[in-house]
Amino acid sequence: MKKYFLFLTLLFTSIFTFAQKQTTSRTFHKIKMGHGAAYANGVEKHNTKFNPISNSRAVVIWNITGGKHHGEIMISDYNPRSFEERDIPSTQQEGQSDSWNINVVPHLESTQKVEVLVFRPEFSNSKIDDDKGVIEKVLQTEYTVMNYSKAANDIRMRFPKVFDKLGWKMKIFETYTGEHRVITSRRLPNGWKDLDAMQDFGAAYDEIYGKGAWDKDQVVLNNYWSRTDRWMMTRNKALSSK
């Protein structure tokens, strides 16, 4: 009987945890050469009319510098959504689809398929909606997961204390669709000058967890993931929902 009740407890705990997951979506636009101004005008016109900040599907738009998406535009959700909230179908206003096709699509060279990301609070030292609509500069690093490892995840759960010690504001996401990747998102409240400070993650890690801890744990992480990209993001206030 005790085993039965334990099973029920674990079952309902896992269901509750799953129901509480917060997700976000993102996609990248590559703009045709010479169409930057027309694209910007089209997106701003479209979002002003059909996608205000009060809309549950409001968006934040970012200019990308560096990495494989250099020069592109990232469109991401302004509001996080649970999977349950994703069950609610979106409804388009009359003329919304035509507006996008007329004002934006002609200026696109390509678009990346929409990705769904899951926020991982256990690896973060910020909440998913911290600084929402305030932060203007973000450094994102992408890791491709090669081999799932509980040991690596246990190590990653140590990271928030290191983030706190370094004064970093970190949100950690993982792809729910497509290739399994980890996306670390460091928000920079003072702008790019926050990157001028010479900070040693490994040294801070050792201060908290003991001398040599980072060298030992990094071996485990190197078998778990491989850093594959990094880019700088600047919020485009003119094009974002407002």
Protein backbone atom coordinates (compact mmCIF):
# COMPACT_ATOMS: atom_id res chain seq x y z
CA MET A 1 0.00 0.00 0.00
CA LYS A 2 2.83 2.41 0.87
CA LYS A 3 4.41 1.74 -2.52
CA TYR A 4 1.07 2.48 -4.19
CA PHE A 5 0.73 5.85 -2.45
CA LEU A 6 4.35 6.66 -3.28
CA PHE A 7 3.61 5.90 -6.94
CA LEU A 8 0.60 8.23 -6.89
CA THR A 9 2.64 10.97 -5.23
CA LEU A 10 5.36 10.74 -7.89
CA LEU A 11 2.77 10.59 -10.66
CA PHE A 12 0.92 13.72 -9.56
CA THR A 13 4.18 15.53 -8.87
CA SER A 14 5.39 14.84 -12.40
CA ILE A 15 2.06 15.93 -13.86
CA PHE A 16 2.15 19.16 -11.83
CA THR A 17 5.73 19.83 -12.90
CA PHE A 18 4.87 19.27 -16.55
CA ALA A 19 1.83 21.56 -16.30
CA GLN A 20 3.96 24.33 -14.88
CA LYS A 21 6.51 24.39 -17.69
CA GLN A 22 6.87 27.78 -19.34
CA THR A 23 7.66 28.00 -23.03
CA THR A 24 8.55 30.61 -25.57
CA SER A 25 8.90 30.62 -29.34
CA ARG A 26 11.40 32.20 -31.67
CA THR A 27 12.16 32.44 -35.37
CA PHE A 28 14.75 34.26 -37.48
CA HIS A 29 14.20 36.46 -40.51
CA LYS A 30 16.88 36.99 -43.14
CA ILE A 31 16.10 40.21 -44.99
CA LYS A 32 16.73 40.69 -48.70
CA MET A 33 19.68 42.89 -49.57
CA GLY A 34 18.54 46.51 -49.83
CA HIS A 35 15.14 45.81 -48.25
CA GLY A 36 16.02 46.68 -44.65
CA ALA A 37 14.08 49.95 -44.48
CA ALA A 38 11.04 48.53 -46.28
CA TYR A 39 11.04 45.47 -44.00
CA ALA A 40 11.23 47.66 -40.89
CA ASN A 41 8.40 49.87 -42.10
CA GLY A 42 6.27 46.84 -42.92
CA VAL A 43 6.82 45.09 -39.58
CA GLU A 44 6.23 48.25 -37.56
CA LYS A 45 3.03 48.99 -39.47
CA HIS A 46 1.79 45.42 -39.04
CA ASN A 47 2.59 45.10 -35.32
CA THR A 48 1.19 48.52 -34.48
CA LYS A 49 -2.17 47.58 -35.95
CA PHE A 50 -2.45 43.87 -35.23
CA ASN A 51 0.02 43.00 -32.47
CA PRO A 52 0.00 45.60 -29.65
CA ILE A 53 1.66 44.88 -26.30
CA SER A 54 -1.78 44.12 -24.82
CA ASN A 55 -2.13 41.17 -27.20
CA SER A 56 -1.37 37.79 -25.59
CA ARG A 57 0.72 36.99 -28.69
CA ALA A 58 2.79 40.20 -28.52
CA VAL A 59 6.37 39.89 -29.77
CA VAL A 60 9.84 41.20 -29.03
CA ILE A 61 12.12 41.79 -32.00
CA TRP A 62 15.91 41.65 -31.77
CA ASN A 63 18.74 42.69 -34.08
CA ILE A 64 21.42 39.96 -34.18
CA THR A 65 25.15 40.64 -34.29
CA GLY A 66 27.63 37.80 -34.76
CA GLY A 67 27.17 34.06 -35.02
CA LYS A 68 25.35 32.13 -37.72
CA HIS A 69 22.40 34.56 -37.63
CA HIS A 70 24.49 37.73 -38.01
CA GLY A 71 22.49 40.55 -39.58
CA GLU A 72 19.21 38.72 -39.14
CA ILE A 73 16.16 39.56 -37.05
CA MET A 74 14.90 37.35 -34.22
CA ILE A 75 11.21 37.41 -33.38
CA SER A 76 10.34 36.00 -29.96
CA ASP A 77 7.31 35.87 -27.69
CA TYR A 78 6.79 38.76 -25.27
CA ASN A 79 4.66 36.59 -22.98
CA PRO A 80 5.73 33.08 -21.92
CA ARG A 81 3.08 30.38 -22.25
CA SER A 82 2.51 27.04 -20.58
CA PHE A 83 1.76 24.04 -22.76
CA GLU A 84 -1.85 24.27 -21.61
CA GLU A 85 -2.01 27.84 -22.88
CA ARG A 86 -0.66 26.63 -26.21
CA ASP A 87 -3.86 24.60 -26.55
CA ILE A 88 -5.78 27.87 -26.92
CA PRO A 89 -6.00 28.61 -30.66
CA SER A 90 -4.95 32.04 -31.83
CA THR A 91 -7.45 34.10 -33.76
CA GLN A 92 -6.42 36.53 -36.45
CA GLN A 93 -8.15 39.82 -37.04
CA GLU A 94 -9.64 40.60 -40.40
CA GLY A 95 -6.90 41.68 -42.75
CA GLN A 96 -4.04 40.50 -40.49
CA SER A 97 -2.79 37.78 -42.82
CA ASP A 98 -3.02 40.07 -45.85
CA SER A 99 -1.11 42.79 -43.99
CA TRP A 100 1.77 40.41 -43.28
CA ASN A 101 1.85 39.04 -46.82
CA ILE A 102 1.80 42.51 -48.36
CA ASN A 103 3.98 44.51 -45.97
CA VAL A 104 6.56 41.98 -44.76
CA VAL A 105 6.87 38.83 -46.87
CA PRO A 106 8.15 40.57 -50.06
CA HIS A 107 11.23 41.74 -48.12
CA LEU A 108 12.22 38.34 -46.73
CA GLU A 109 14.98 36.25 -48.22
CA SER A 110 14.31 33.37 -45.85
CA THR A 111 12.76 32.46 -42.50
CA GLN A 112 13.74 29.76 -40.04
CA LYS A 113 11.09 27.36 -38.83
CA VAL A 114 9.62 28.39 -35.49
CA GLU A 115 11.33 26.79 -32.51
CA VAL A 116 9.65 26.12 -29.17
CA LEU A 117 11.92 26.56 -26.15
CA VAL A 118 11.28 25.45 -22.57
CA PHE A 119 12.52 27.59 -19.70
CA ARG A 120 14.66 25.70 -17.17
CA PRO A 121 14.37 27.51 -13.82
CA GLU A 122 16.56 24.98 -11.99
CA PHE A 123 19.54 26.06 -14.10
CA SER A 124 18.71 29.80 -14.07
CA ASN A 125 19.10 32.53 -11.48
CA SER A 126 16.29 34.65 -12.94
CA LYS A 127 12.60 34.10 -13.52
CA ILE A 128 11.35 33.86 -17.07
CA ASP A 129 9.56 37.22 -16.93
CA ASP A 130 12.27 39.15 -15.05
CA ASP A 131 13.09 42.44 -16.80
CA LYS A 132 10.46 41.71 -19.45
CA GLY A 133 10.31 44.62 -21.86
CA VAL A 134 13.18 46.41 -20.08
CA ILE A 135 16.45 44.72 -21.02
CA GLU A 136 17.82 45.93 -24.35
CA LYS A 137 21.08 43.96 -24.64
CA VAL A 138 21.41 40.18 -24.38
CA LEU A 139 24.25 37.74 -25.00
CA GLN A 140 23.04 34.30 -26.07
CA THR A 141 25.19 31.19 -26.24
CA GLU A 142 24.01 27.96 -27.81
CA TYR A 143 25.17 24.46 -26.93
CA THR A 144 24.32 21.29 -28.83
CA VAL A 145 23.60 18.38 -26.49
CA MET A 146 25.53 15.30 -27.64
CA ASN A 147 24.74 12.81 -24.89
CA TYR A 148 22.08 13.11 -22.19
CA SER A 149 23.70 12.92 -18.77
CA LYS A 150 22.12 13.15 -15.33
CA ALA A 151 25.57 13.85 -13.93
CA ALA A 152 25.91 16.86 -16.25
CA ASN A 153 22.51 18.18 -15.24
CA ASP A 154 23.45 17.80 -11.58
CA ILE A 155 26.51 19.96 -12.29
CA ARG A 156 24.42 22.51 -14.17
CA MET A 157 22.21 22.87 -11.09
CA ARG A 158 25.27 24.31 -9.36
CA PHE A 159 25.51 27.14 -11.88
CA PRO A 160 22.95 29.58 -10.40
CA LYS A 161 25.14 30.16 -7.34
CA VAL A 162 28.06 30.95 -9.64
CA PHE A 163 25.89 33.30 -11.71
CA ASP A 164 24.92 35.09 -8.50
CA LYS A 165 28.55 35.41 -7.41
CA LEU A 166 29.53 36.87 -10.79
CA GLY A 167 26.49 39.18 -10.87
CA TRP A 168 25.22 37.62 -14.09
CA LYS A 169 21.48 37.61 -14.85
CA MET A 170 20.90 34.28 -16.57
CA LYS A 171 17.89 32.57 -18.10
CA ILE A 172 18.42 29.05 -19.40
CA PHE A 173 16.27 27.45 -22.10
CA GLU A 174 16.27 24.14 -23.94
CA THR A 175 14.77 23.39 -27.31
CA TYR A 176 11.58 21.37 -27.14
CA THR A 177 11.39 21.03 -30.92
CA GLY A 178 14.17 20.20 -33.35
CA GLU A 179 17.70 19.32 -32.35
CA HIS A 180 18.35 19.19 -28.59
CA ARG A 181 20.15 22.40 -27.67
CA VAL A 182 20.69 24.51 -24.56
CA ILE A 183 20.41 28.29 -24.93
CA THR A 184 21.91 30.47 -22.21
CA SER A 185 20.62 34.02 -22.19
CA ARG A 186 22.65 36.58 -20.25
CA ARG A 187 20.85 39.88 -19.86
CA LEU A 188 23.06 42.98 -19.68
CA PRO A 189 21.32 45.74 -17.67
CA ASN A 190 24.16 48.22 -18.29
CA GLY A 191 24.61 47.36 -21.96
CA TRP A 192 27.65 45.88 -23.66
CA LYS A 193 30.01 47.45 -21.12
CA ASP A 194 28.95 44.67 -18.73
CA LEU A 195 31.15 42.41 -20.89
CA ASP A 196 34.27 44.54 -20.24
CA ALA A 197 34.73 43.10 -16.75
CA MET A 198 37.24 40.25 -16.74
CA GLN A 199 35.35 37.49 -14.92
CA ASP A 200 36.48 33.89 -14.57
CA PHE A 201 33.60 31.44 -14.32
CA GLY A 202 35.91 28.58 -13.35
CA ALA A 203 37.56 30.57 -10.55
CA ALA A 204 34.16 31.57 -9.14
CA TYR A 205 33.01 27.95 -9.39
CA ASP A 206 36.07 26.78 -7.43
CA GLU A 207 35.51 29.42 -4.76
CA ILE A 208 32.06 28.00 -4.09
CA TYR A 209 32.60 24.27 -4.65
CA GLY A 210 36.28 23.77 -3.81
CA LYS A 211 39.63 23.98 -5.56
CA GLY A 212 39.75 21.90 -8.73
CA ALA A 213 35.96 21.42 -8.86
CA TRP A 214 35.57 23.19 -12.21
CA ASP A 215 38.34 21.22 -13.96
CA LYS A 216 36.78 17.97 -12.76
CA ASP A 217 33.18 18.88 -13.59
CA GLN A 218 34.09 20.40 -16.95
CA VAL A 219 35.19 16.95 -18.15
CA VAL A 220 31.66 15.68 -17.57
CA LEU A 221 30.12 18.70 -19.31
CA ASN A 222 32.40 18.37 -22.34
CA ASN A 223 30.95 14.90 -22.93
CA TYR A 224 27.43 16.28 -22.53
CA TRP A 225 27.43 19.32 -24.82
CA SER A 226 29.47 21.35 -27.25
CA ARG A 227 29.27 25.10 -27.66
CA THR A 228 28.17 25.74 -31.22
CA ASP A 229 27.29 29.43 -31.46
CA ARG A 230 27.10 32.81 -29.73
CA TRP A 231 25.51 36.09 -30.74
CA MET A 232 24.70 39.55 -29.39
CA MET A 233 21.08 40.74 -29.35
CA THR A 234 19.79 44.33 -29.30
CA ARG A 235 16.10 44.87 -28.75
CA ASN A 236 14.48 46.71 -31.63
CA LYS A 237 11.96 48.85 -29.78
CA ALA A 238 10.52 50.37 -32.94
CA LEU A 239 9.51 47.01 -34.40
CA SER A 240 8.50 45.20 -31.19
CA SER A 241 4.95 45.23 -29.90
CA LYS A 242 4.21 48.42 -27.99
